[in-house]
Amino acid sequence: MSVNTELSSSEYSSLPAEASGGPATDDFPSQLAVDKAEIRQLSLCMSVLSKHHRRVLELRFWEELPYDRIAEQVGKSTETVQSLLYEAVESLIDAFPSEGQ
């Protein structure tokens, strides 16, 4: 299975400044390269998540919505949203390579 790890310019520009190599970086050129590689890896890891897990992650961390607003948007209870987020984060931790790999 081939997974597209490239982000479109609109996807890249919608990331928080720290993740997209914005002003929060100290050494801009080299940090930007690292950030892009990490974003590609994160995109790859997220591609294996279910649609529901990806959506709640996007709403929580990119759109910064509280649990109750996410629950409204996805039509699930707040408790279910919290469980989905927990499962999604755990899956990403398991899928994302650690420093030594």
Foldseek 3Di string as FASTA:
>chain_A
DDDDLDDDPVRLVLAPQQLCQHPVDDPRPVSNVVSSVVSSQLSVLCVPDDPLLNQLCCCCHRVVDDLVVSCVVVVHDSVVSVVSPVVSVVSSVVRRDDPVD
